[in-house]
Amino acid sequence: MAQAREAQMVQLQEMINEHEYKGWDFAWKSDVTPWDAGSFQPALKEILDDGIVPSSLIPADGRALVPGCGRGYDAIYIAKALGLETLGTDISQTAVEAAEAYRASLKEDVDVRFEVSDFFSIDGIQFDLIYDYTFFVAISPSRRADWGRQMKKLVKPGGFLITLVFPIDGDSGTGPPFYVRAEHYEEVLGEGWTVVADRVPEISLESHKGRERMIVRRRL
């Protein structure tokens, strides 16, 4: 399983190197999705179950965003767990179609929608909660400062930014996923945030053990 995942990771990197952002759609069409765990992240459930994001601080008509949502597992889980109007975005049309198909397969009434969208172009809307898992490490490190500015723009004052820092590995010099450490988020987010949780999840996927850290910030 691990070898197959590594082989897919090499394929993915080749697609992104050749086609740039369009490579993500090539990957989905070719079923080269080594990040797809088949379910929401246990670390996300742990944070929400523990009340790190208090429901009392999120309005009943609040909104959540999951950029780079893939098949939509986490976006759907957030919508169900917090009752937020949740938007999952992805730059790949095929990924969005997969997310819509997955939601339909659940046969549940979930307040979530998916759309093809460039995170950096989102404007005119703010969110009470944004969740980033593998999106930060999927973009080129040269765009991380843009990521920080956009997060500051999109998270409402008092809103939450949940980041699942993964994979915390050595610097291979290639990507995606690109080399990441917790401080890399801090560097580009700058001032105006308070950290409300920073911990290694108690429960992780087998492939994530010892390689992830969950950090929750609140916008001042």
Protein backbone atom coordinates (compact mmCIF):
# COMPACT_ATOMS: atom_id res chain seq x y z
CA MET A 1 0.00 0.00 0.00
CA ALA A 2 2.76 2.45 0.97
CA GLN A 3 4.73 1.63 -2.17
CA ALA A 4 1.66 2.16 -4.36
CA ARG A 5 1.05 5.52 -2.68
CA GLU A 6 4.64 6.58 -3.26
CA ALA A 7 4.43 5.57 -6.92
CA GLN A 8 1.26 7.65 -7.31
CA MET A 9 2.97 10.58 -5.62
CA VAL A 10 5.71 10.50 -8.24
CA GLN A 11 3.08 10.37 -11.00
CA LEU A 12 1.29 13.33 -9.45
CA GLN A 13 4.46 15.40 -9.29
CA GLU A 14 5.16 14.66 -12.94
CA MET A 15 1.65 15.77 -13.91
CA ILE A 16 1.92 19.03 -11.96
CA ASN A 17 5.39 19.74 -13.34
CA GLU A 18 4.16 19.20 -16.89
CA HIS A 19 0.70 20.79 -16.74
CA GLU A 20 0.95 23.13 -13.71
CA TYR A 21 -2.47 23.74 -12.10
CA LYS A 22 -4.24 21.76 -14.85
CA GLY A 23 -2.27 18.76 -13.66
CA TRP A 24 -4.72 18.36 -10.76
CA ASP A 25 -7.54 17.60 -13.16
CA PHE A 26 -5.30 15.19 -15.08
CA ALA A 27 -4.59 13.46 -11.77
CA TRP A 28 -8.28 13.09 -10.92
CA LYS A 29 -9.13 11.85 -14.40
CA SER A 30 -6.29 9.31 -14.16
CA ASP A 31 -7.29 8.24 -10.63
CA VAL A 32 -3.91 9.39 -9.31
CA THR A 33 -5.14 10.62 -5.93
CA PRO A 34 -2.73 9.34 -3.25
CA TRP A 35 -4.10 11.86 -0.72
CA ASP A 36 -7.66 10.45 -0.92
CA ALA A 37 -8.20 8.51 2.33
CA GLY A 38 -11.78 7.51 1.58
CA SER A 39 -13.15 9.39 4.60
CA PHE A 40 -12.84 12.58 6.64
CA GLN A 41 -9.70 13.10 8.70
CA PRO A 42 -9.83 11.66 12.25
CA ALA A 43 -7.84 14.70 13.46
CA LEU A 44 -10.64 17.00 12.28
CA LYS A 45 -13.26 14.94 14.12
CA GLU A 46 -11.12 15.00 17.26
CA ILE A 47 -10.86 18.79 17.23
CA LEU A 48 -14.57 19.29 16.64
CA ASP A 49 -15.62 16.61 19.15
CA ASP A 50 -13.41 18.23 21.80
CA GLY A 51 -15.15 21.58 21.35
CA ILE A 52 -12.00 23.43 20.33
CA VAL A 53 -14.27 25.38 17.99
CA PRO A 54 -17.15 26.23 20.37
CA SER A 55 -20.57 26.16 18.72
CA SER A 56 -21.51 29.16 20.89
CA LEU A 57 -18.99 31.27 18.96
CA ILE A 58 -20.31 30.33 15.52
CA PRO A 59 -23.58 31.89 14.35
CA ALA A 60 -26.41 29.58 13.35
CA ASP A 61 -26.22 30.96 9.83
CA GLY A 62 -22.43 30.70 9.71
CA ARG A 63 -20.35 29.69 6.71
CA ALA A 64 -17.37 27.37 6.31
CA LEU A 65 -14.88 26.94 3.48
CA VAL A 66 -12.70 23.97 2.54
CA PRO A 67 -10.29 24.92 -0.28
CA GLY A 68 -8.85 22.05 -2.31
CA CYS A 69 -11.74 19.93 -1.06
CA GLY A 70 -11.13 16.91 -3.29
CA ARG A 71 -13.93 14.38 -2.86
CA GLY A 72 -15.47 16.50 -0.14
CA TYR A 73 -15.21 14.23 2.90
CA ASP A 74 -14.08 16.96 5.29
CA ALA A 75 -16.46 19.60 3.92
CA ILE A 76 -19.40 17.25 4.45
CA TYR A 77 -18.21 16.37 7.95
CA ILE A 78 -17.94 20.05 8.94
CA ALA A 79 -21.43 20.77 7.60
CA LYS A 80 -22.88 17.85 9.56
CA ALA A 81 -20.91 18.40 12.78
CA LEU A 82 -21.31 22.18 13.05
CA GLY A 83 -24.42 22.83 11.01
CA LEU A 84 -22.62 25.39 8.88
CA GLU A 85 -23.37 26.31 5.30
CA THR A 86 -20.21 24.78 3.86
CA LEU A 87 -18.50 25.45 0.55
CA GLY A 88 -15.92 23.06 -0.84
CA THR A 89 -13.83 24.39 -3.70
CA ASP A 90 -11.35 22.73 -5.99
CA ILE A 91 -9.51 23.80 -9.10
CA SER A 92 -10.33 20.45 -10.71
CA GLN A 93 -13.73 20.00 -12.36
CA THR A 94 -13.34 16.24 -12.03
CA ALA A 95 -12.74 16.55 -8.28
CA VAL A 96 -15.88 18.64 -7.86
CA GLU A 97 -17.89 16.09 -9.82
CA ALA A 98 -16.49 13.35 -7.56
CA ALA A 99 -17.47 15.37 -4.48
CA GLU A 100 -20.99 15.88 -5.76
CA ALA A 101 -21.30 12.17 -6.52
CA TYR A 102 -20.06 11.26 -3.04
CA ARG A 103 -22.54 13.61 -1.37
CA ALA A 104 -25.38 12.15 -3.43
CA SER A 105 -24.34 8.62 -2.43
CA LEU A 106 -24.85 9.48 1.27
CA LYS A 107 -28.55 10.17 0.70
CA GLU A 108 -28.50 12.75 3.51
CA ASP A 109 -29.61 16.36 3.68
CA VAL A 110 -26.29 18.15 4.17
CA ASP A 111 -25.84 21.92 3.80
CA VAL A 112 -22.80 21.73 1.56
CA ARG A 113 -22.08 22.70 -2.01
CA PHE A 114 -19.09 22.25 -4.24
CA GLU A 115 -17.74 24.46 -6.99
CA VAL A 116 -14.78 24.81 -9.29
CA SER A 117 -12.93 27.83 -7.99
CA ASP A 118 -9.47 29.32 -7.54
CA PHE A 119 -9.02 29.97 -3.82
CA PHE A 120 -6.92 33.05 -4.53
CA SER A 121 -9.73 34.62 -6.58
CA ILE A 122 -12.48 34.27 -3.96
CA ASP A 123 -13.78 37.75 -3.12
CA GLY A 124 -16.76 39.47 -1.57
CA ILE A 125 -17.45 36.85 1.10
CA GLN A 126 -16.07 35.93 4.52
CA PHE A 127 -16.27 32.72 6.49
CA ASP A 128 -16.70 31.78 10.13
CA LEU A 129 -14.43 28.78 9.67
CA ILE A 130 -11.89 27.68 7.07
CA TYR A 131 -10.24 24.27 7.11
CA ASP A 132 -6.96 23.62 5.28
CA TYR A 133 -5.75 20.08 4.88
CA THR A 134 -3.12 19.46 2.15
CA PHE A 135 -4.07 22.66 0.29
CA PHE A 136 -1.18 24.62 1.80
CA VAL A 137 1.30 21.90 0.80
CA ALA A 138 -0.22 21.49 -2.66
CA ILE A 139 0.49 25.04 -3.76
CA SER A 140 3.97 26.23 -4.69
CA PRO A 141 5.87 27.67 -1.69
CA SER A 142 6.19 30.86 -3.73
CA ARG A 143 2.43 31.35 -3.24
CA ARG A 144 2.35 30.84 0.50
CA ALA A 145 2.46 34.57 1.24
CA ASP A 146 -0.59 34.95 -1.03
CA TRP A 147 -2.24 32.13 0.96
CA GLY A 148 -1.64 34.04 4.21
CA ARG A 149 -3.06 37.28 2.85
CA GLN A 150 -6.11 35.52 1.43
CA MET A 151 -6.82 33.69 4.68
CA LYS A 152 -6.67 36.98 6.57
CA LYS A 153 -9.13 38.41 4.09
CA LEU A 154 -11.55 35.46 4.10
CA VAL A 155 -11.75 34.54 7.79
CA LYS A 156 -14.13 36.85 9.66
CA PRO A 157 -12.91 38.59 12.81
CA GLY A 158 -13.71 36.06 15.52
CA GLY A 159 -13.69 33.25 12.98
CA PHE A 160 -11.52 30.12 13.02
CA LEU A 161 -8.78 28.74 10.78
CA ILE A 162 -8.10 25.02 11.24
CA THR A 163 -4.87 23.76 9.70
CA LEU A 164 -3.87 20.11 9.62
CA VAL A 165 -0.11 20.34 9.12
CA PHE A 166 0.82 17.32 7.01
CA PRO A 167 3.11 15.71 5.92
CA ILE A 168 5.80 16.71 8.41
CA ASP A 169 8.67 14.96 6.65
CA GLY A 170 12.16 15.87 5.54
CA ASP A 171 12.66 18.35 2.73
CA SER A 172 12.76 16.29 -0.47
CA GLY A 173 13.18 19.40 -2.59
CA THR A 174 10.19 18.39 -4.71
CA GLY A 175 6.44 18.55 -4.45
CA PRO A 176 3.58 18.44 -4.12
CA PRO A 177 3.35 17.90 -1.25
CA PHE A 178 5.91 20.61 -0.57
CA TYR A 179 8.08 20.73 2.54
CA VAL A 180 6.14 22.03 5.53
CA ARG A 181 6.56 22.86 9.19
CA ALA A 182 4.09 24.49 11.57
CA GLU A 183 6.06 27.74 11.57
CA HIS A 184 5.59 28.08 7.81
CA TYR A 185 1.91 28.91 8.41
CA GLU A 186 2.83 31.37 11.17
CA GLU A 187 5.30 33.16 8.91
CA VAL A 188 2.74 33.96 6.22
CA LEU A 189 -0.30 34.57 8.42
CA GLY A 190 1.44 37.26 10.46
CA GLU A 191 -0.25 39.11 13.29
CA GLY A 192 -3.96 39.24 14.00
CA TRP A 193 -4.47 35.64 15.15
CA THR A 194 -4.51 33.78 18.43
CA VAL A 195 -3.69 30.07 18.64
CA VAL A 196 -6.45 28.21 20.51
CA ALA A 197 -5.11 24.69 19.96
CA ASP A 198 -1.81 23.20 18.84
CA ARG A 199 -1.39 19.47 19.28
CA VAL A 200 -0.51 16.14 17.79
CA PRO A 201 -3.78 14.26 17.19
CA GLU A 202 -4.42 11.27 19.43
CA ILE A 203 -5.97 9.37 16.51
CA SER A 204 -4.42 9.47 13.04
CA LEU A 205 -4.66 7.49 9.86
CA GLU A 206 -1.94 4.84 9.73
CA SER A 207 -0.14 6.75 6.97
CA HIS A 208 -0.27 9.97 9.05
CA LYS A 209 1.10 8.74 12.38
CA GLY A 210 4.01 10.86 13.54
CA ARG A 211 3.61 13.11 10.50
CA GLU A 212 0.81 15.52 11.39
CA ARG A 213 -0.10 18.31 13.79
CA MET A 214 -3.38 20.16 14.22
CA ILE A 215 -3.36 23.92 14.81
CA VAL A 216 -6.49 26.02 15.31
CA ARG A 217 -6.33 29.81 15.20
CA ARG A 218 -8.95 32.44 15.87
CA ARG A 219 -8.98 35.71 13.95
CA LEU A 220 -8.71 38.77 16.18
